[in-house]
Amino acid sequence: MDAEKRGRTRLRAKGVSHIEWGPETIDVSRLPALLLSAQTRALMLALLRVRDLCAETPGPLSQVLSTLTEELDRLGPGSVDPRGERVLAQVRVQEVAAALSRLRSLGTIEWTEPVLMD
């Protein structure tokens, strides 16, 4: 989930139809629940939070999305904004998962739960 372009992170929500993620453009125009550009901005920032959660706590994507859902429910949609400047609309985890599935540069690895040895 690399969003680097020329050495810096480049993210931009374009209306309700696209998210620029580094050199890629994620087409979210077919997500029926996205009606406002504020939702697209919230989705973009939620993707950034998913990237950070994956780096902080390796594990299955379902676990990362559950953590994101808990944060959004507990702290509100503004919790994904690192600057705390934007007014954000609510975004659902279904839209986050759908946007992730459209991210072509997303890599996956097989995850197995670690076994504790006594």
PDB file of N, CA and C in Angstrom:
ATOM      1  N   MET A   1       0.837  -1.191   0.000  1.00  0.00           N
ATOM      2  CA  MET A   1       0.000   0.000   0.000  1.00  0.00           C
ATOM      3  C   MET A   1       0.874   1.245   0.000  1.00  0.00           C
ATOM      4  N   ASP A   2       1.762   1.293  -0.918  1.00  0.00           N
ATOM      5  CA  ASP A   2       2.694   2.406  -0.982  1.00  0.00           C
ATOM      6  C   ASP A   2       2.056   3.588  -1.697  1.00  0.00           C
ATOM      7  N   ALA A   3       2.007   4.727  -1.039  1.00  0.00           N
ATOM      8  CA  ALA A   3       1.419   5.935  -1.628  1.00  0.00           C
ATOM      9  C   ALA A   3       2.489   6.972  -1.923  1.00  0.00           C
ATOM     10  N   GLU A   4       3.724   6.524  -2.039  1.00  0.00           N
ATOM     11  CA  GLU A   4       4.824   7.456  -2.277  1.00  0.00           C
ATOM     12  C   GLU A   4       4.935   7.778  -3.756  1.00  0.00           C
ATOM     13  N   LYS A   5       5.138   9.017  -4.033  1.00  0.00           N
ATOM     14  CA  LYS A   5       5.352   9.475  -5.398  1.00  0.00           C
ATOM     15  C   LYS A   5       6.447  10.523  -5.326  1.00  0.00           C
ATOM     16  N   ARG A   6       7.563  10.245  -5.952  1.00  0.00           N
ATOM     17  CA  ARG A   6       8.712  11.147  -5.921  1.00  0.00           C
ATOM     18  C   ARG A   6       9.173  11.453  -4.497  1.00  0.00           C
ATOM     19  N   GLY A   7       9.196  10.427  -3.643  1.00  0.00           N
ATOM     20  CA  GLY A   7       9.740  10.593  -2.308  1.00  0.00           C
ATOM     21  C   GLY A   7       8.803  11.143  -1.255  1.00  0.00           C
ATOM     22  N   ARG A   8       7.560  11.437  -1.609  1.00  0.00           N
ATOM     23  CA  ARG A   8       6.630  11.928  -0.591  1.00  0.00           C
ATOM     24  C   ARG A   8       5.270  11.261  -0.780  1.00  0.00           C
ATOM     25  N   THR A   9       4.521  11.216   0.296  1.00  0.00           N
ATOM     26  CA  THR A   9       3.216  10.593   0.244  1.00  0.00           C
ATOM     27  C   THR A   9       2.242  11.503  -0.476  1.00  0.00           C
ATOM     28  N   ARG A  10       1.586  10.952  -1.466  1.00  0.00           N
ATOM     29  CA  ARG A  10       0.651  11.737  -2.274  1.00  0.00           C
ATOM     30  C   ARG A  10      -0.727  11.087  -2.203  1.00  0.00           C
ATOM     31  N   LEU A  11      -1.661  11.763  -1.568  1.00  0.00           N
ATOM     32  CA  LEU A  11      -3.038  11.298  -1.460  1.00  0.00           C
ATOM     33  C   LEU A  11      -3.965  12.444  -1.809  1.00  0.00           C
ATOM     34  N   ARG A  12      -4.991  12.131  -2.601  1.00  0.00           N
ATOM     35  CA  ARG A  12      -5.975  13.165  -2.905  1.00  0.00           C
ATOM     36  C   ARG A  12      -7.297  12.505  -3.282  1.00  0.00           C
ATOM     37  N   ALA A  13      -8.371  12.992  -2.681  1.00  0.00           N
ATOM     38  CA  ALA A  13      -9.716  12.558  -3.061  1.00  0.00           C
ATOM     39  C   ALA A  13     -10.217  13.501  -4.141  1.00  0.00           C
ATOM     40  N   LYS A  14     -10.714  12.922  -5.223  1.00  0.00           N
ATOM     41  CA  LYS A  14     -11.209  13.724  -6.340  1.00  0.00           C
ATOM     42  C   LYS A  14     -12.713  13.505  -6.463  1.00  0.00           C
ATOM     43  N   GLY A  15     -13.470  14.431  -5.876  1.00  0.00           N
ATOM     44  CA  GLY A  15     -14.929  14.315  -5.917  1.00  0.00           C
ATOM     45  C   GLY A  15     -15.397  13.065  -5.203  1.00  0.00           C
ATOM     46  N   VAL A  16     -16.404  12.407  -5.779  1.00  0.00           N
ATOM     47  CA  VAL A  16     -16.905  11.169  -5.191  1.00  0.00           C
ATOM     48  C   VAL A  16     -16.500   9.955  -6.015  1.00  0.00           C
ATOM     49  N   SER A  17     -15.628  10.152  -6.998  1.00  0.00           N
ATOM     50  CA  SER A  17     -15.371   9.048  -7.917  1.00  0.00           C
ATOM     51  C   SER A  17     -13.964   8.458  -7.864  1.00  0.00           C
ATOM     52  N   HIS A  18     -12.978   9.207  -7.412  1.00  0.00           N
ATOM     53  CA  HIS A  18     -11.604   8.704  -7.479  1.00  0.00           C
ATOM     54  C   HIS A  18     -10.778   9.141  -6.266  1.00  0.00           C
ATOM     55  N   ILE A  19      -9.806   8.298  -5.948  1.00  0.00           N
ATOM     56  CA  ILE A  19      -8.815   8.610  -4.924  1.00  0.00           C
ATOM     57  C   ILE A  19      -7.449   8.426  -5.568  1.00  0.00           C
ATOM     58  N   GLU A  20      -6.633   9.459  -5.532  1.00  0.00           N
ATOM     59  CA  GLU A  20      -5.255   9.332  -6.005  1.00  0.00           C
ATOM     60  C   GLU A  20      -4.424   8.807  -4.848  1.00  0.00           C
ATOM     61  N   TRP A  21      -3.817   7.659  -5.051  1.00  0.00           N
ATOM     62  CA  TRP A  21      -3.012   6.987  -4.032  1.00  0.00           C
ATOM     63  C   TRP A  21      -1.618   6.819  -4.620  1.00  0.00           C
ATOM     64  N   GLY A  22      -0.767   7.794  -4.359  1.00  0.00           N
ATOM     65  CA  GLY A  22       0.548   7.775  -4.988  1.00  0.00           C
ATOM     66  C   GLY A  22       0.381   7.874  -6.494  1.00  0.00           C
ATOM     67  N   PRO A  23       1.053   7.017  -7.234  1.00  0.00           N
ATOM     68  CA  PRO A  23       0.935   7.070  -8.692  1.00  0.00           C
ATOM     69  C   PRO A  23      -0.341   6.418  -9.225  1.00  0.00           C
ATOM     70  N   GLU A  24      -1.108   5.771  -8.352  1.00  0.00           N
ATOM     71  CA  GLU A  24      -2.330   5.070  -8.766  1.00  0.00           C
ATOM     72  C   GLU A  24      -3.571   5.923  -8.565  1.00  0.00           C
ATOM     73  N   THR A  25      -4.610   5.572  -9.299  1.00  0.00           N
ATOM     74  CA  THR A  25      -5.927   6.163  -9.088  1.00  0.00           C
ATOM     75  C   THR A  25      -6.892   5.033  -8.770  1.00  0.00           C
ATOM     76  N   ILE A  26      -7.544   5.124  -7.616  1.00  0.00           N
ATOM     77  CA  ILE A  26      -8.531   4.124  -7.212  1.00  0.00           C
ATOM     78  C   ILE A  26      -9.896   4.629  -7.656  1.00  0.00           C
ATOM     79  N   ASP A  27     -10.572   3.853  -8.491  1.00  0.00           N
ATOM     80  CA  ASP A  27     -11.896   4.216  -8.985  1.00  0.00           C
ATOM     81  C   ASP A  27     -12.946   3.723  -7.990  1.00  0.00           C
ATOM     82  N   VAL A  28     -13.574   4.651  -7.287  1.00  0.00           N
ATOM     83  CA  VAL A  28     -14.617   4.298  -6.321  1.00  0.00           C
ATOM     84  C   VAL A  28     -15.988   4.772  -6.801  1.00  0.00           C
ATOM     85  N   SER A  29     -16.083   5.072  -8.088  1.00  0.00           N
ATOM     86  CA  SER A  29     -17.328   5.617  -8.639  1.00  0.00           C
ATOM     87  C   SER A  29     -18.480   4.624  -8.574  1.00  0.00           C
ATOM     88  N   ARG A  30     -18.192   3.344  -8.501  1.00  0.00           N
ATOM     89  CA  ARG A  30     -19.251   2.326  -8.475  1.00  0.00           C
ATOM     90  C   ARG A  30     -19.666   1.924  -7.058  1.00  0.00           C
ATOM     91  N   LEU A  31     -19.155   2.616  -6.064  1.00  0.00           N
ATOM     92  CA  LEU A  31     -19.576   2.340  -4.686  1.00  0.00           C
ATOM     93  C   LEU A  31     -20.822   3.167  -4.407  1.00  0.00           C
ATOM     94  N   PRO A  32     -21.987   2.535  -4.340  1.00  0.00           N
ATOM     95  CA  PRO A  32     -23.243   3.292  -4.263  1.00  0.00           C
ATOM     96  C   PRO A  32     -23.420   4.101  -2.983  1.00  0.00           C
ATOM     97  N   ALA A  33     -22.728   3.739  -1.917  1.00  0.00           N
ATOM     98  CA  ALA A  33     -22.908   4.453  -0.651  1.00  0.00           C
ATOM     99  C   ALA A  33     -22.149   5.770  -0.601  1.00  0.00           C
ATOM    100  N   LEU A  34     -21.224   5.993  -1.531  1.00  0.00           N
ATOM    101  CA  LEU A  34     -20.464   7.249  -1.549  1.00  0.00           C
ATOM    102  C   LEU A  34     -21.259   8.303  -2.309  1.00  0.00           C
ATOM    103  N   LEU A  35     -21.794   9.259  -1.580  1.00  0.00           N
ATOM    104  CA  LEU A  35     -22.622  10.300  -2.182  1.00  0.00           C
ATOM    105  C   LEU A  35     -22.011  11.683  -2.058  1.00  0.00           C
ATOM    106  N   LEU A  36     -21.095  11.858  -1.107  1.00  0.00           N
ATOM    107  CA  LEU A  36     -20.507  13.167  -0.826  1.00  0.00           C
ATOM    108  C   LEU A  36     -18.991  13.106  -0.962  1.00  0.00           C
ATOM    109  N   SER A  37     -18.406  14.212  -1.386  1.00  0.00           N
ATOM    110  CA  SER A  37     -16.944  14.246  -1.476  1.00  0.00           C
ATOM    111  C   SER A  37     -16.307  14.082  -0.095  1.00  0.00           C
ATOM    112  N   ALA A  38     -17.013  14.481   0.954  1.00  0.00           N
ATOM    113  CA  ALA A  38     -16.496  14.293   2.319  1.00  0.00           C
ATOM    114  C   ALA A  38     -16.354  12.807   2.641  1.00  0.00           C
ATOM    115  N   GLN A  39     -17.245  11.976   2.105  1.00  0.00           N
ATOM    116  CA  GLN A  39     -17.132  10.534   2.319  1.00  0.00           C
ATOM    117  C   GLN A  39     -15.905   9.974   1.598  1.00  0.00           C
ATOM    118  N   THR A  40     -15.633  10.498   0.412  1.00  0.00           N
ATOM    119  CA  THR A  40     -14.456  10.047  -0.328  1.00  0.00           C
ATOM    120  C   THR A  40     -13.183  10.453   0.405  1.00  0.00           C
ATOM    121  N   ARG A  41     -13.157  11.656   0.972  1.00  0.00           N
ATOM    122  CA  ARG A  41     -11.999  12.080   1.778  1.00  0.00           C
ATOM    123  C   ARG A  41     -11.837  11.181   2.999  1.00  0.00           C
ATOM    124  N   ALA A  42     -12.957  10.863   3.654  1.00  0.00           N
ATOM    125  CA  ALA A  42     -12.898   9.979   4.818  1.00  0.00           C
ATOM    126  C   ALA A  42     -12.401   8.596   4.416  1.00  0.00           C
ATOM    127  N   LEU A  43     -12.838   8.120   3.266  1.00  0.00           N
ATOM    128  CA  LEU A  43     -12.389   6.821   2.768  1.00  0.00           C
ATOM    129  C   LEU A  43     -10.885   6.840   2.492  1.00  0.00           C
ATOM    130  N   MET A  44     -10.404   7.895   1.878  1.00  0.00           N
ATOM    131  CA  MET A  44      -8.975   8.037   1.599  1.00  0.00           C
ATOM    132  C   MET A  44      -8.164   7.982   2.898  1.00  0.00           C
ATOM    133  N   LEU A  45      -8.618   8.713   3.910  1.00  0.00           N
ATOM    134  CA  LEU A  45      -7.898   8.739   5.180  1.00  0.00           C
ATOM    135  C   LEU A  45      -8.036   7.414   5.926  1.00  0.00           C
ATOM    136  N   ALA A  46      -9.166   6.724   5.750  1.00  0.00           N
ATOM    137  CA  ALA A  46      -9.327   5.402   6.355  1.00  0.00           C
ATOM    138  C   ALA A  46      -8.350   4.411   5.723  1.00  0.00           C
ATOM    139  N   LEU A  47      -8.124   4.522   4.421  1.00  0.00           N
ATOM    140  CA  LEU A  47      -7.131   3.667   3.758  1.00  0.00           C
ATOM    141  C   LEU A  47      -5.731   3.932   4.312  1.00  0.00           C
ATOM    142  N   LEU A  48      -5.438   5.182   4.560  1.00  0.00           N
ATOM    143  CA  LEU A  48      -4.151   5.537   5.158  1.00  0.00           C
ATOM    144  C   LEU A  48      -4.036   4.928   6.553  1.00  0.00           C
ATOM    145  N   ARG A  49      -5.119   4.965   7.319  1.00  0.00           N
ATOM    146  CA  ARG A  49      -5.120   4.369   8.663  1.00  0.00           C
ATOM    147  C   ARG A  49      -4.951   2.853   8.583  1.00  0.00           C
ATOM    148  N   VAL A  50      -5.579   2.217   7.589  1.00  0.00           N
ATOM    149  CA  VAL A  50      -5.412   0.774   7.398  1.00  0.00           C
ATOM    150  C   VAL A  50      -3.945   0.456   7.130  1.00  0.00           C
ATOM    151  N   ARG A  51      -3.299   1.263   6.295  1.00  0.00           N
ATOM    152  CA  ARG A  51      -1.875   1.057   6.021  1.00  0.00           C
ATOM    153  C   ARG A  51      -1.061   1.131   7.312  1.00  0.00           C
ATOM    154  N   ASP A  52      -1.354   2.133   8.142  1.00  0.00           N
ATOM    155  CA  ASP A  52      -0.626   2.288   9.402  1.00  0.00           C
ATOM    156  C   ASP A  52      -0.910   1.130  10.359  1.00  0.00           C
ATOM    157  N   LEU A  53      -2.172   0.694  10.426  1.00  0.00           N
ATOM    158  CA  LEU A  53      -2.525  -0.428  11.301  1.00  0.00           C
ATOM    159  C   LEU A  53      -1.823  -1.709  10.860  1.00  0.00           C
ATOM    160  N   CYS A  54      -1.712  -1.920   9.554  1.00  0.00           N
ATOM    161  CA  CYS A  54      -1.005  -3.105   9.041  1.00  0.00           C
ATOM    162  C   CYS A  54       0.463  -3.073   9.449  1.00  0.00           C
ATOM    163  N   ALA A  55       1.055  -1.892   9.449  1.00  0.00           N
ATOM    164  CA  ALA A  55       2.460  -1.761   9.840  1.00  0.00           C
ATOM    165  C   ALA A  55       2.637  -1.949  11.344  1.00  0.00           C
ATOM    166  N   GLU A  56       1.667  -1.455  12.131  1.00  0.00           N
ATOM    167  CA  GLU A  56       1.767  -1.533  13.596  1.00  0.00           C
ATOM    168  C   GLU A  56       1.515  -2.939  14.117  1.00  0.00           C
ATOM    169  N   THR A  57       0.508  -3.605  13.580  1.00  0.00           N
ATOM    170  CA  THR A  57       0.079  -4.894  14.092  1.00  0.00           C
ATOM    171  C   THR A  57      -0.142  -5.851  12.938  1.00  0.00           C
ATOM    172  N   PRO A  58       0.867  -6.614  12.573  1.00  0.00           N
ATOM    173  CA  PRO A  58       0.666  -7.564  11.477  1.00  0.00           C
ATOM    174  C   PRO A  58      -0.420  -8.572  11.830  1.00  0.00           C
ATOM    175  N   GLY A  59      -1.195  -8.927  10.853  1.00  0.00           N
ATOM    176  CA  GLY A  59      -2.267  -9.886  11.055  1.00  0.00           C
ATOM    177  C   GLY A  59      -3.185  -9.897   9.858  1.00  0.00           C
ATOM    178  N   PRO A  60      -4.249 -10.670   9.940  1.00  0.00           N
ATOM    179  CA  PRO A  60      -5.178 -10.743   8.813  1.00  0.00           C
ATOM    180  C   PRO A  60      -5.904  -9.417   8.597  1.00  0.00           C
ATOM    181  N   LEU A  61      -6.276  -9.164   7.357  1.00  0.00           N
ATOM    182  CA  LEU A  61      -6.961  -7.926   7.015  1.00  0.00           C
ATOM    183  C   LEU A  61      -8.273  -7.785   7.777  1.00  0.00           C
ATOM    184  N   SER A  62      -8.958  -8.894   8.019  1.00  0.00           N
ATOM    185  CA  SER A  62     -10.221  -8.827   8.764  1.00  0.00           C
ATOM    186  C   SER A  62     -10.003  -8.248  10.158  1.00  0.00           C
ATOM    187  N   GLN A  63      -8.882  -8.577  10.779  1.00  0.00           N
ATOM    188  CA  GLN A  63      -8.559  -8.043  12.104  1.00  0.00           C
ATOM    189  C   GLN A  63      -8.271  -6.547  12.025  1.00  0.00           C
ATOM    190  N   VAL A  64      -7.548  -6.129  10.995  1.00  0.00           N
ATOM    191  CA  VAL A  64      -7.237  -4.710  10.803  1.00  0.00           C
ATOM    192  C   VAL A  64      -8.524  -3.919  10.574  1.00  0.00           C
ATOM    193  N   LEU A  65      -9.425  -4.458   9.754  1.00  0.00           N
ATOM    194  CA  LEU A  65     -10.692  -3.766   9.491  1.00  0.00           C
ATOM    195  C   LEU A  65     -11.569  -3.715  10.740  1.00  0.00           C
ATOM    196  N   SER A  66     -11.512  -4.751  11.570  1.00  0.00           N
ATOM    197  CA  SER A  66     -12.253  -4.726  12.840  1.00  0.00           C
ATOM    198  C   SER A  66     -11.716  -3.642  13.762  1.00  0.00           C
ATOM    199  N   THR A  67     -10.397  -3.509  13.821  1.00  0.00           N
ATOM    200  CA  THR A  67      -9.785  -2.456  14.630  1.00  0.00           C
ATOM    201  C   THR A  67     -10.194  -1.083  14.120  1.00  0.00           C
ATOM    202  N   LEU A  68     -10.188  -0.909  12.804  1.00  0.00           N
ATOM    203  CA  LEU A  68     -10.616   0.357  12.209  1.00  0.00           C
ATOM    204  C   LEU A  68     -12.067   0.659  12.559  1.00  0.00           C
ATOM    205  N   THR A  69     -12.932  -0.341  12.468  1.00  0.00           N
ATOM    206  CA  THR A  69     -14.348  -0.157  12.798  1.00  0.00           C
ATOM    207  C   THR A  69     -14.515   0.275  14.245  1.00  0.00           C
ATOM    208  N   GLU A  70     -13.782  -0.361  15.150  1.00  0.00           N
ATOM    209  CA  GLU A  70     -13.850   0.005  16.569  1.00  0.00           C
ATOM    210  C   GLU A  70     -13.408   1.449  16.779  1.00  0.00           C
ATOM    211  N   GLU A  71     -12.323   1.859  16.112  1.00  0.00           N
ATOM    212  CA  GLU A  71     -11.848   3.244  16.231  1.00  0.00           C
ATOM    213  C   GLU A  71     -12.887   4.232  15.708  1.00  0.00           C
ATOM    214  N   LEU A  72     -13.471   3.927  14.553  1.00  0.00           N
ATOM    215  CA  LEU A  72     -14.473   4.830  13.974  1.00  0.00           C
ATOM    216  C   LEU A  72     -15.704   4.929  14.864  1.00  0.00           C
ATOM    217  N   ASP A  73     -16.135   3.790  15.427  1.00  0.00           N
ATOM    218  CA  ASP A  73     -17.307   3.799  16.307  1.00  0.00           C
ATOM    219  C   ASP A  73     -17.027   4.562  17.597  1.00  0.00           C
ATOM    220  N   ARG A  74     -15.832   4.364  18.143  1.00  0.00           N
ATOM    221  CA  ARG A  74     -15.492   4.969  19.433  1.00  0.00           C
ATOM    222  C   ARG A  74     -15.145   6.452  19.310  1.00  0.00           C
ATOM    223  N   LEU A  75     -14.378   6.808  18.285  1.00  0.00           N
ATOM    224  CA  LEU A  75     -13.839   8.165  18.194  1.00  0.00           C
ATOM    225  C   LEU A  75     -14.475   9.020  17.105  1.00  0.00           C
ATOM    226  N   GLY A  76     -15.267   8.413  16.241  1.00  0.00           N
ATOM    227  CA  GLY A  76     -15.913   9.164  15.167  1.00  0.00           C
ATOM    228  C   GLY A  76     -15.070   9.208  13.912  1.00  0.00           C
ATOM    229  N   PRO A  77     -15.647   9.695  12.826  1.00  0.00           N
ATOM    230  CA  PRO A  77     -14.948   9.682  11.542  1.00  0.00           C
ATOM    231  C   PRO A  77     -13.702  10.560  11.507  1.00  0.00           C
ATOM    232  N   GLY A  78     -13.629  11.568  12.340  1.00  0.00           N
ATOM    233  CA  GLY A  78     -12.453  12.430  12.369  1.00  0.00           C
ATOM    234  C   GLY A  78     -11.218  11.753  12.928  1.00  0.00           C
ATOM    235  N   SER A  79     -11.391  10.575  13.529  1.00  0.00           N
ATOM    236  CA  SER A  79     -10.252   9.880  14.133  1.00  0.00           C
ATOM    237  C   SER A  79      -9.239   9.405  13.102  1.00  0.00           C
ATOM    238  N   VAL A  80      -9.647   9.265  11.841  1.00  0.00           N
ATOM    239  CA  VAL A  80      -8.706   8.810  10.816  1.00  0.00           C
ATOM    240  C   VAL A  80      -7.900   9.955  10.223  1.00  0.00           C
ATOM    241  N   ASP A  81      -8.243  11.188  10.572  1.00  0.00           N
ATOM    242  CA  ASP A  81      -7.547  12.353  10.023  1.00  0.00           C
ATOM    243  C   ASP A  81      -6.362  12.710  10.910  1.00  0.00           C
ATOM    244  N   PRO A  82      -5.129  12.482  10.436  1.00  0.00           N
ATOM    245  CA  PRO A  82      -3.964  12.760  11.282  1.00  0.00           C
ATOM    246  C   PRO A  82      -3.805  14.234  11.633  1.00  0.00           C
ATOM    247  N   ARG A  83      -4.323  15.125  10.812  1.00  0.00           N
ATOM    248  CA  ARG A  83      -4.209  16.561  11.089  1.00  0.00           C
ATOM    249  C   ARG A  83      -5.358  17.078  11.948  1.00  0.00           C
ATOM    250  N   GLY A  84      -6.464  16.383  11.939  1.00  0.00           N
ATOM    251  CA  GLY A  84      -7.627  16.814  12.699  1.00  0.00           C
ATOM    252  C   GLY A  84      -8.266  18.079  12.167  1.00  0.00           C
ATOM    253  N   GLU A  85      -8.015  18.410  10.897  1.00  0.00           N
ATOM    254  CA  GLU A  85      -8.506  19.664  10.330  1.00  0.00           C
ATOM    255  C   GLU A  85      -9.810  19.514   9.557  1.00  0.00           C
ATOM    256  N   ARG A  86      -9.996  18.391   8.945  1.00  0.00           N
ATOM    257  CA  ARG A  86     -11.113  18.243   8.026  1.00  0.00           C
ATOM    258  C   ARG A  86     -12.387  17.809   8.739  1.00  0.00           C
ATOM    259  N   VAL A  87     -13.510  18.271   8.241  1.00  0.00           N
ATOM    260  CA  VAL A  87     -14.804  17.762   8.689  1.00  0.00           C
ATOM    261  C   VAL A  87     -15.111  16.574   7.792  1.00  0.00           C
ATOM    262  N   LEU A  88     -15.294  15.417   8.388  1.00  0.00           N
ATOM    263  CA  LEU A  88     -15.461  14.202   7.608  1.00  0.00           C
ATOM    264  C   LEU A  88     -16.833  13.592   7.810  1.00  0.00           C
ATOM    265  N   ALA A  89     -17.330  12.978   6.756  1.00  0.00           N
ATOM    266  CA  ALA A  89     -18.556  12.199   6.841  1.00  0.00           C
ATOM    267  C   ALA A  89     -18.185  10.775   7.261  1.00  0.00           C
ATOM    268  N   GLN A  90     -19.175  10.038   7.693  1.00  0.00           N
ATOM    269  CA  GLN A  90     -18.947   8.656   8.110  1.00  0.00           C
ATOM    270  C   GLN A  90     -18.678   7.775   6.891  1.00  0.00           C
ATOM    271  N   VAL A  91     -17.761   6.849   7.029  1.00  0.00           N
ATOM    272  CA  VAL A  91     -17.481   5.863   5.990  1.00  0.00           C
ATOM    273  C   VAL A  91     -17.600   4.485   6.635  1.00  0.00           C
ATOM    274  N   ARG A  92     -18.162   3.533   5.892  1.00  0.00           N
ATOM    275  CA  ARG A  92     -18.335   2.183   6.426  1.00  0.00           C
ATOM    276  C   ARG A  92     -17.146   1.311   6.043  1.00  0.00           C
ATOM    277  N   VAL A  93     -16.944   0.271   6.820  1.00  0.00           N
ATOM    278  CA  VAL A  93     -15.824  -0.635   6.562  1.00  0.00           C
ATOM    279  C   VAL A  93     -16.013  -1.347   5.216  1.00  0.00           C
ATOM    280  N   GLN A  94     -17.254  -1.494   4.760  1.00  0.00           N
ATOM    281  CA  GLN A  94     -17.496  -2.126   3.460  1.00  0.00           C
ATOM    282  C   GLN A  94     -16.873  -1.304   2.332  1.00  0.00           C
ATOM    283  N   GLU A  95     -16.971   0.025   2.436  1.00  0.00           N
ATOM    284  CA  GLU A  95     -16.356   0.876   1.413  1.00  0.00           C
ATOM    285  C   GLU A  95     -14.832   0.802   1.484  1.00  0.00           C
ATOM    286  N   VAL A  96     -14.302   0.700   2.692  1.00  0.00           N
ATOM    287  CA  VAL A  96     -12.850   0.579   2.849  1.00  0.00           C
ATOM    288  C   VAL A  96     -12.371  -0.717   2.190  1.00  0.00           C
ATOM    289  N   ALA A  97     -13.064  -1.819   2.465  1.00  0.00           N
ATOM    290  CA  ALA A  97     -12.687  -3.102   1.867  1.00  0.00           C
ATOM    291  C   ALA A  97     -12.826  -3.064   0.347  1.00  0.00           C
ATOM    292  N   ALA A  98     -13.882  -2.433  -0.150  1.00  0.00           N
ATOM    293  CA  ALA A  98     -14.080  -2.335  -1.601  1.00  0.00           C
ATOM    294  C   ALA A  98     -12.979  -1.501  -2.250  1.00  0.00           C
ATOM    295  N   ALA A  99     -12.587  -0.414  -1.607  1.00  0.00           N
ATOM    296  CA  ALA A  99     -11.506   0.416  -2.150  1.00  0.00           C
ATOM    297  C   ALA A  99     -10.181  -0.342  -2.121  1.00  0.00           C
ATOM    298  N   LEU A 100      -9.943  -1.104  -1.061  1.00  0.00           N
ATOM    299  CA  LEU A 100      -8.725  -1.914  -0.994  1.00  0.00           C
ATOM    300  C   LEU A 100      -8.679  -2.923  -2.136  1.00  0.00           C
ATOM    301  N   SER A 101      -9.829  -3.509  -2.457  1.00  0.00           N
ATOM    302  CA  SER A 101      -9.850  -4.501  -3.532  1.00  0.00           C
ATOM    303  C   SER A 101      -9.570  -3.871  -4.890  1.00  0.00           C
ATOM    304  N   ARG A 102      -9.751  -2.557  -5.003  1.00  0.00           N
ATOM    305  CA  ARG A 102      -9.483  -1.849  -6.255  1.00  0.00           C
ATOM    306  C   ARG A 102      -8.061  -1.289  -6.324  1.00  0.00           C
ATOM    307  N   LEU A 103      -7.314  -1.411  -5.242  1.00  0.00           N
ATOM    308  CA  LEU A 103      -5.940  -0.899  -5.191  1.00  0.00           C
ATOM    309  C   LEU A 103      -5.008  -1.930  -5.826  1.00  0.00           C
ATOM    310  N   ARG A 104      -4.550  -1.647  -7.020  1.00  0.00           N
ATOM    311  CA  ARG A 104      -3.765  -2.615  -7.791  1.00  0.00           C
ATOM    312  C   ARG A 104      -2.417  -2.929  -7.161  1.00  0.00           C
ATOM    313  N   SER A 105      -1.837  -2.000  -6.439  1.00  0.00           N
ATOM    314  CA  SER A 105      -0.506  -2.235  -5.871  1.00  0.00           C
ATOM    315  C   SER A 105      -0.548  -2.988  -4.547  1.00  0.00           C
ATOM    316  N   LEU A 106      -1.748  -3.301  -4.068  1.00  0.00           N
ATOM    317  CA  LEU A 106      -1.873  -4.001  -2.791  1.00  0.00           C
ATOM    318  C   LEU A 106      -1.292  -5.402  -2.917  1.00  0.00           C
ATOM    319  N   GLY A 107      -0.374  -5.722  -2.045  1.00  0.00           N
ATOM    320  CA  GLY A 107       0.212  -7.054  -2.028  1.00  0.00           C
ATOM    321  C   GLY A 107      -0.341  -7.849  -0.858  1.00  0.00           C
ATOM    322  N   THR A 108      -0.377  -9.143  -1.008  1.00  0.00           N
ATOM    323  CA  THR A 108      -0.865  -9.997   0.068  1.00  0.00           C
ATOM    324  C   THR A 108       0.175 -11.066   0.369  1.00  0.00           C
ATOM    325  N   ILE A 109       0.118 -11.538   1.582  1.00  0.00           N
ATOM    326  CA  ILE A 109       0.942 -12.673   1.974  1.00  0.00           C
ATOM    327  C   ILE A 109       0.039 -13.641   2.724  1.00  0.00           C
ATOM    328  N   GLU A 110       0.438 -14.891   2.764  1.00  0.00           N
ATOM    329  CA  GLU A 110      -0.340 -15.868   3.508  1.00  0.00           C
ATOM    330  C   GLU A 110      -0.065 -15.666   4.991  1.00  0.00           C
ATOM    331  N   TRP A 111      -1.128 -15.601   5.778  1.00  0.00           N
ATOM    332  CA  TRP A 111      -0.990 -15.362   7.206  1.00  0.00           C
ATOM    333  C   TRP A 111      -1.347 -16.620   7.968  1.00  0.00           C
ATOM    334  N   THR A 112      -0.476 -17.019   8.864  1.00  0.00           N
ATOM    335  CA  THR A 112      -0.791 -18.109   9.779  1.00  0.00           C
ATOM    336  C   THR A 112      -0.578 -17.586  11.189  1.00  0.00           C
ATOM    337  N   GLU A 113      -1.489 -17.942  12.048  1.00  0.00           N
ATOM    338  CA  GLU A 113      -1.410 -17.507  13.440  1.00  0.00           C
ATOM    339  C   GLU A 113      -0.163 -18.114  14.075  1.00  0.00           C
ATOM    340  N   PRO A 114       0.638 -17.306  14.788  1.00  0.00           N
ATOM    341  CA  PRO A 114       1.832 -17.857  15.434  1.00  0.00           C
ATOM    342  C   PRO A 114       1.453 -18.877  16.509  1.00  0.00           C
ATOM    343  N   VAL A 115       2.262 -19.899  16.617  1.00  0.00           N
ATOM    344  CA  VAL A 115       2.044 -20.937  17.619  1.00  0.00           C
ATOM    345  C   VAL A 115       2.985 -20.668  18.781  1.00  0.00           C
ATOM    346  N   LEU A 116       2.418 -20.588  19.979  1.00  0.00           N
ATOM    347  CA  LEU A 116       3.236 -20.365  21.176  1.00  0.00           C
ATOM    348  C   LEU A 116       3.823 -21.693  21.638  1.00  0.00           C
ATOM    349  N   MET A 117       5.105 -21.700  21.850  1.00  0.00           N
ATOM    350  CA  MET A 117       5.795 -22.910  22.299  1.00  0.00           C
ATOM    351  C   MET A 117       6.104 -22.773  23.783  1.00  0.00           C
ATOM    352  N   ASP A 118       5.812 -23.805  24.533  1.00  0.00           N
ATOM    353  CA  ASP A 118       6.120 -23.807  25.968  1.00  0.00           C
ATOM    354  C   ASP A 118       7.461 -24.408  26.242  1.00  0.00           C
TER     355      ASP A 118
END
